[in-house]
Amino acid sequence: MNVQGQEKLLNAHVLVIGAGGLGSAAAPYLVAAGIGHIILVDLDSVELTNLQRHIMHTESNIANSKAASSKEFLERLNSTIQGEAIPFNTTDSLLDDLLPSVDIVLDYTDNFFNPTTD
């Protein structure tokens, strides 16, 4: 990749909804590839029973917010990223606030978000 391509990645803003199995697998690759800004949204807390598939979390994170645990992991992986942890459920108003500032949304939730019913 050339310098312009790497600069585009550095300036990219990604919203990752869900920091469990799928989000935990994808987010480190995004950050390692050079994504400069990442927002992590997850309401849940880290649980012992999930650690085998939630690779960003460890036993020391049990009972902590998955969003915060993920942000800490990603900042250790790449200290130059700008990360934001949002330990809330995804809602219409949250998306209305976040969508204008992001380039892409990755939805790794367990359930499909339907704004007409959620």
N, C-alpha and C. Protein backbone atom coordinates (compact mmCIF):
# COMPACT_ATOMS: atom_id res chain seq x y z
N MET A 1 0.85 -1.18 0.00
CA MET A 1 0.00 0.00 0.00
C MET A 1 0.89 1.23 0.00
N ASN A 2 0.47 2.25 -0.73
CA ASN A 2 1.25 3.47 -0.81
C ASN A 2 0.93 4.40 0.36
N VAL A 3 1.64 5.52 0.40
CA VAL A 3 1.50 6.47 1.50
C VAL A 3 0.08 7.04 1.56
N GLN A 4 -0.51 7.36 0.41
CA GLN A 4 -1.87 7.91 0.42
C GLN A 4 -2.87 6.90 0.98
N GLY A 5 -2.71 5.66 0.64
CA GLY A 5 -3.60 4.62 1.16
C GLY A 5 -3.48 4.49 2.66
N GLN A 6 -2.26 4.52 3.18
CA GLN A 6 -2.06 4.43 4.62
C GLN A 6 -2.62 5.66 5.33
N GLU A 7 -2.51 6.83 4.72
CA GLU A 7 -3.09 8.04 5.31
C GLU A 7 -4.61 7.96 5.35
N LYS A 8 -5.22 7.37 4.32
CA LYS A 8 -6.67 7.20 4.33
C LYS A 8 -7.09 6.30 5.50
N LEU A 9 -6.35 5.23 5.73
CA LEU A 9 -6.66 4.36 6.87
C LEU A 9 -6.49 5.11 8.19
N LEU A 10 -5.42 5.86 8.30
CA LEU A 10 -5.16 6.61 9.53
C LEU A 10 -6.27 7.61 9.83
N ASN A 11 -6.86 8.19 8.79
CA ASN A 11 -7.93 9.17 8.96
C ASN A 11 -9.33 8.56 9.01
N ALA A 12 -9.43 7.25 8.81
CA ALA A 12 -10.73 6.58 8.80
C ALA A 12 -11.32 6.48 10.20
N HIS A 13 -12.65 6.59 10.27
CA HIS A 13 -13.40 6.46 11.52
C HIS A 13 -14.33 5.25 11.38
N VAL A 14 -14.17 4.28 12.26
CA VAL A 14 -14.96 3.05 12.20
C VAL A 14 -15.77 2.91 13.49
N LEU A 15 -17.04 2.57 13.33
CA LEU A 15 -17.92 2.28 14.45
C LEU A 15 -18.11 0.77 14.50
N VAL A 16 -17.72 0.16 15.61
CA VAL A 16 -17.88 -1.28 15.81
C VAL A 16 -18.94 -1.47 16.88
N ILE A 17 -20.05 -2.06 16.49
CA ILE A 17 -21.14 -2.34 17.43
C ILE A 17 -21.06 -3.81 17.80
N GLY A 18 -20.72 -4.07 19.04
CA GLY A 18 -20.56 -5.43 19.53
C GLY A 18 -19.09 -5.76 19.71
N ALA A 19 -18.69 -6.00 20.96
CA ALA A 19 -17.29 -6.30 21.27
C ALA A 19 -17.15 -7.71 21.82
N GLY A 20 -18.02 -8.60 21.35
CA GLY A 20 -17.96 -10.00 21.76
C GLY A 20 -17.13 -10.80 20.79
N GLY A 21 -17.62 -11.98 20.40
CA GLY A 21 -16.86 -12.89 19.55
C GLY A 21 -16.44 -12.30 18.23
N LEU A 22 -17.36 -11.76 17.45
CA LEU A 22 -17.02 -11.24 16.13
C LEU A 22 -16.31 -9.89 16.20
N GLY A 23 -16.82 -8.97 17.01
CA GLY A 23 -16.17 -7.67 17.14
C GLY A 23 -14.78 -7.79 17.73
N SER A 24 -14.62 -8.73 18.65
CA SER A 24 -13.34 -8.97 19.29
C SER A 24 -12.32 -9.54 18.31
N ALA A 25 -12.80 -10.22 17.29
CA ALA A 25 -11.90 -10.75 16.27
C ALA A 25 -11.56 -9.70 15.21
N ALA A 26 -12.52 -8.87 14.84
CA ALA A 26 -12.31 -7.91 13.75
C ALA A 26 -11.55 -6.66 14.18
N ALA A 27 -11.86 -6.11 15.33
CA ALA A 27 -11.29 -4.83 15.74
C ALA A 27 -9.75 -4.82 15.80
N PRO A 28 -9.11 -5.86 16.32
CA PRO A 28 -7.64 -5.83 16.32
C PRO A 28 -7.04 -5.77 14.92
N TYR A 29 -7.67 -6.43 13.96
CA TYR A 29 -7.17 -6.37 12.58
C TYR A 29 -7.34 -4.97 11.99
N LEU A 30 -8.44 -4.31 12.31
CA LEU A 30 -8.64 -2.94 11.84
C LEU A 30 -7.55 -2.02 12.37
N VAL A 31 -7.28 -2.12 13.66
CA VAL A 31 -6.28 -1.27 14.29
C VAL A 31 -4.88 -1.62 13.79
N ALA A 32 -4.59 -2.91 13.64
CA ALA A 32 -3.28 -3.32 13.14
C ALA A 32 -3.07 -2.87 11.70
N ALA A 33 -4.15 -2.79 10.93
CA ALA A 33 -4.05 -2.35 9.54
C ALA A 33 -3.81 -0.84 9.43
N GLY A 34 -4.09 -0.11 10.50
CA GLY A 34 -3.82 1.32 10.50
C GLY A 34 -5.02 2.22 10.65
N ILE A 35 -6.22 1.65 10.92
CA ILE A 35 -7.39 2.49 11.17
C ILE A 35 -7.06 3.42 12.35
N GLY A 36 -7.29 4.71 12.18
CA GLY A 36 -6.87 5.67 13.19
C GLY A 36 -7.89 6.00 14.26
N HIS A 37 -9.18 5.79 13.96
CA HIS A 37 -10.23 6.16 14.90
C HIS A 37 -11.23 5.01 14.98
N ILE A 38 -11.50 4.55 16.19
CA ILE A 38 -12.44 3.44 16.35
C ILE A 38 -13.35 3.72 17.55
N ILE A 39 -14.63 3.52 17.33
CA ILE A 39 -15.63 3.66 18.40
C ILE A 39 -16.20 2.27 18.65
N LEU A 40 -16.18 1.85 19.91
CA LEU A 40 -16.66 0.53 20.30
C LEU A 40 -17.90 0.67 21.16
N VAL A 41 -18.99 0.05 20.71
CA VAL A 41 -20.26 0.12 21.44
C VAL A 41 -20.65 -1.28 21.88
N ASP A 42 -20.83 -1.47 23.18
CA ASP A 42 -21.32 -2.74 23.71
C ASP A 42 -21.84 -2.53 25.11
N LEU A 43 -23.02 -3.01 25.37
CA LEU A 43 -23.66 -2.86 26.67
C LEU A 43 -23.16 -3.88 27.70
N ASP A 44 -22.71 -5.04 27.23
CA ASP A 44 -22.40 -6.15 28.11
C ASP A 44 -21.09 -5.99 28.87
N SER A 45 -20.95 -6.85 29.87
CA SER A 45 -19.72 -6.95 30.65
C SER A 45 -18.99 -8.24 30.26
N VAL A 46 -17.71 -8.25 30.49
CA VAL A 46 -16.89 -9.43 30.22
C VAL A 46 -17.25 -10.52 31.23
N GLU A 47 -17.47 -11.73 30.71
CA GLU A 47 -17.80 -12.89 31.55
C GLU A 47 -16.80 -14.01 31.30
N LEU A 48 -16.52 -14.78 32.34
CA LEU A 48 -15.58 -15.89 32.24
C LEU A 48 -15.98 -16.87 31.14
N THR A 49 -17.28 -17.13 31.00
CA THR A 49 -17.75 -18.13 30.04
C THR A 49 -17.56 -17.71 28.59
N ASN A 50 -17.24 -16.45 28.34
CA ASN A 50 -17.06 -15.95 26.97
C ASN A 50 -15.61 -15.84 26.53
N LEU A 51 -14.68 -16.00 27.46
CA LEU A 51 -13.28 -15.68 27.16
C LEU A 51 -12.68 -16.52 26.04
N GLN A 52 -13.14 -17.74 25.85
CA GLN A 52 -12.54 -18.59 24.82
C GLN A 52 -12.77 -18.05 23.41
N ARG A 53 -13.79 -17.22 23.21
CA ARG A 53 -14.04 -16.67 21.88
C ARG A 53 -13.98 -15.14 21.82
N HIS A 54 -13.83 -14.49 22.93
CA HIS A 54 -13.71 -13.02 22.98
C HIS A 54 -12.25 -12.68 23.22
N ILE A 55 -11.47 -12.66 22.17
CA ILE A 55 -10.01 -12.63 22.30
C ILE A 55 -9.43 -11.31 22.81
N MET A 56 -10.19 -10.24 22.83
CA MET A 56 -9.67 -8.98 23.36
C MET A 56 -9.78 -8.90 24.88
N HIS A 57 -10.46 -9.85 25.49
CA HIS A 57 -10.72 -9.79 26.92
C HIS A 57 -9.98 -10.91 27.66
N THR A 58 -9.60 -10.63 28.90
CA THR A 58 -8.90 -11.61 29.73
C THR A 58 -9.61 -11.73 31.08
N GLU A 59 -9.15 -12.66 31.89
CA GLU A 59 -9.74 -12.85 33.22
C GLU A 59 -9.68 -11.58 34.06
N SER A 60 -8.66 -10.78 33.85
CA SER A 60 -8.55 -9.54 34.63
C SER A 60 -9.63 -8.52 34.25
N ASN A 61 -10.31 -8.73 33.12
CA ASN A 61 -11.38 -7.83 32.68
C ASN A 61 -12.77 -8.28 33.10
N ILE A 62 -12.88 -9.44 33.75
CA ILE A 62 -14.20 -9.97 34.12
C ILE A 62 -14.97 -8.92 34.93
N ALA A 63 -16.22 -8.73 34.57
CA ALA A 63 -17.17 -7.79 35.17
C ALA A 63 -16.98 -6.36 34.67
N ASN A 64 -15.94 -6.10 33.89
CA ASN A 64 -15.74 -4.77 33.30
C ASN A 64 -16.54 -4.67 32.00
N SER A 65 -16.77 -3.48 31.57
CA SER A 65 -17.44 -3.21 30.30
C SER A 65 -16.64 -3.80 29.14
N LYS A 66 -17.33 -4.49 28.22
CA LYS A 66 -16.65 -5.01 27.03
C LYS A 66 -16.12 -3.86 26.17
N ALA A 67 -16.87 -2.77 26.10
CA ALA A 67 -16.42 -1.63 25.31
C ALA A 67 -15.11 -1.06 25.87
N ALA A 68 -15.05 -0.88 27.17
CA ALA A 68 -13.84 -0.33 27.80
C ALA A 68 -12.68 -1.31 27.72
N SER A 69 -12.95 -2.58 27.95
CA SER A 69 -11.91 -3.61 27.86
C SER A 69 -11.34 -3.66 26.45
N SER A 70 -12.20 -3.55 25.45
CA SER A 70 -11.76 -3.57 24.06
C SER A 70 -10.90 -2.37 23.73
N LYS A 71 -11.33 -1.21 24.18
CA LYS A 71 -10.56 0.02 23.94
C LYS A 71 -9.15 -0.10 24.53
N GLU A 72 -9.06 -0.60 25.75
CA GLU A 72 -7.75 -0.78 26.39
C GLU A 72 -6.87 -1.74 25.60
N PHE A 73 -7.45 -2.84 25.15
CA PHE A 73 -6.70 -3.83 24.37
C PHE A 73 -6.17 -3.20 23.08
N LEU A 74 -7.05 -2.49 22.38
CA LEU A 74 -6.66 -1.91 21.10
C LEU A 74 -5.62 -0.81 21.26
N GLU A 75 -5.69 -0.06 22.34
CA GLU A 75 -4.69 0.98 22.59
C GLU A 75 -3.34 0.38 22.95
N ARG A 76 -3.34 -0.82 23.56
CA ARG A 76 -2.07 -1.51 23.80
C ARG A 76 -1.50 -2.05 22.49
N LEU A 77 -2.38 -2.46 21.59
CA LEU A 77 -1.95 -2.97 20.28
C LEU A 77 -1.37 -1.86 19.42
N ASN A 78 -1.99 -0.68 19.47
CA ASN A 78 -1.54 0.46 18.67
C ASN A 78 -1.83 1.73 19.46
N SER A 79 -0.80 2.26 20.08
CA SER A 79 -0.97 3.41 20.99
C SER A 79 -1.32 4.70 20.26
N THR A 80 -1.26 4.72 18.94
CA THR A 80 -1.55 5.94 18.20
C THR A 80 -3.02 6.07 17.82
N ILE A 81 -3.84 5.04 18.05
CA ILE A 81 -5.25 5.13 17.67
C ILE A 81 -5.99 6.06 18.61
N GLN A 82 -7.10 6.56 18.11
CA GLN A 82 -8.03 7.29 18.95
C GLN A 82 -9.24 6.40 19.14
N GLY A 83 -9.38 5.87 20.34
CA GLY A 83 -10.47 4.95 20.64
C GLY A 83 -11.49 5.59 21.55
N GLU A 84 -12.73 5.14 21.39
CA GLU A 84 -13.81 5.59 22.27
C GLU A 84 -14.64 4.38 22.64
N ALA A 85 -14.91 4.23 23.93
CA ALA A 85 -15.73 3.13 24.43
C ALA A 85 -17.09 3.68 24.85
N ILE A 86 -18.15 3.05 24.34
CA ILE A 86 -19.51 3.45 24.69
C ILE A 86 -20.22 2.23 25.26
N PRO A 87 -20.34 2.17 26.59
CA PRO A 87 -20.95 0.99 27.23
C PRO A 87 -22.47 1.08 27.33
N PHE A 88 -23.11 1.30 26.20
CA PHE A 88 -24.56 1.44 26.15
C PHE A 88 -25.14 0.54 25.09
N ASN A 89 -26.43 0.38 25.11
CA ASN A 89 -27.14 -0.34 24.07
C ASN A 89 -27.27 0.56 22.85
N THR A 90 -27.31 -0.03 21.67
CA THR A 90 -27.47 0.74 20.44
C THR A 90 -28.92 1.21 20.32
N THR A 91 -29.09 2.49 20.15
CA THR A 91 -30.43 3.08 19.99
C THR A 91 -30.43 4.00 18.79
N ASP A 92 -31.62 4.40 18.37
CA ASP A 92 -31.73 5.36 17.26
C ASP A 92 -30.97 6.65 17.57
N SER A 93 -31.15 7.17 18.78
CA SER A 93 -30.52 8.45 19.11
C SER A 93 -29.00 8.32 19.17
N LEU A 94 -28.49 7.19 19.66
CA LEU A 94 -27.04 6.98 19.68
C LEU A 94 -26.50 6.92 18.25
N LEU A 95 -27.18 6.19 17.39
CA LEU A 95 -26.75 6.12 16.00
C LEU A 95 -26.84 7.48 15.31
N ASP A 96 -27.89 8.24 15.61
CA ASP A 96 -28.02 9.58 15.04
C ASP A 96 -26.82 10.45 15.43
N ASP A 97 -26.35 10.28 16.65
CA ASP A 97 -25.20 11.05 17.12
C ASP A 97 -23.88 10.59 16.49
N LEU A 98 -23.73 9.27 16.30
CA LEU A 98 -22.46 8.72 15.86
C LEU A 98 -22.27 8.65 14.35
N LEU A 99 -23.33 8.37 13.62
CA LEU A 99 -23.19 8.11 12.18
C LEU A 99 -22.55 9.25 11.38
N PRO A 100 -22.84 10.50 11.67
CA PRO A 100 -22.21 11.56 10.87
C PRO A 100 -20.68 11.59 10.99
N SER A 101 -20.13 11.03 12.05
CA SER A 101 -18.68 11.11 12.26
C SER A 101 -17.92 9.86 11.83
N VAL A 102 -18.61 8.83 11.31
CA VAL A 102 -17.91 7.60 10.96
C VAL A 102 -17.99 7.34 9.45
N ASP A 103 -17.01 6.58 8.97
CA ASP A 103 -16.96 6.20 7.57
C ASP A 103 -17.64 4.87 7.30
N ILE A 104 -17.62 3.99 8.31
CA ILE A 104 -18.22 2.67 8.14
C ILE A 104 -18.70 2.15 9.49
N VAL A 105 -19.77 1.37 9.45
CA VAL A 105 -20.34 0.75 10.65
C VAL A 105 -20.25 -0.75 10.49
N LEU A 106 -19.70 -1.41 11.49
CA LEU A 106 -19.64 -2.87 11.52
C LEU A 106 -20.53 -3.34 12.67
N ASP A 107 -21.57 -4.07 12.33
CA ASP A 107 -22.54 -4.54 13.34
C ASP A 107 -22.24 -6.00 13.67
N TYR A 108 -21.67 -6.21 14.84
CA TYR A 108 -21.33 -7.55 15.31
C TYR A 108 -22.16 -7.92 16.53
N THR A 109 -23.40 -7.51 16.53
CA THR A 109 -24.28 -7.82 17.66
C THR A 109 -24.88 -9.20 17.51
N ASP A 110 -25.40 -9.71 18.63
CA ASP A 110 -26.06 -11.01 18.64
C ASP A 110 -27.42 -10.95 17.96
N ASN A 111 -28.03 -9.78 18.01
CA ASN A 111 -29.38 -9.60 17.47
C ASN A 111 -29.38 -8.48 16.45
N PHE A 112 -30.16 -8.64 15.42
CA PHE A 112 -30.29 -7.61 14.41
C PHE A 112 -30.94 -6.38 15.02
N PHE A 113 -30.33 -5.22 14.84
CA PHE A 113 -30.87 -3.97 15.37
C PHE A 113 -31.98 -3.50 14.44
N ASN A 114 -33.19 -3.38 14.96
CA ASN A 114 -34.33 -2.91 14.18
C ASN A 114 -34.86 -1.65 14.86
N PRO A 115 -34.59 -0.49 14.29
CA PRO A 115 -35.00 0.75 14.96
C PRO A 115 -36.51 0.91 15.10
N THR A 116 -37.28 0.15 14.36
CA THR A 116 -38.73 0.27 14.49
C THR A 116 -39.27 -0.48 15.70
N THR A 117 -38.48 -1.41 16.24
CA THR A 117 -38.96 -2.19 17.38
C THR A 117 -38.07 -2.05 18.61
N ASP A 118 -36.84 -1.59 18.46
CA ASP A 118 -35.92 -1.51 19.60
C ASP A 118 -36.00 -0.16 20.29
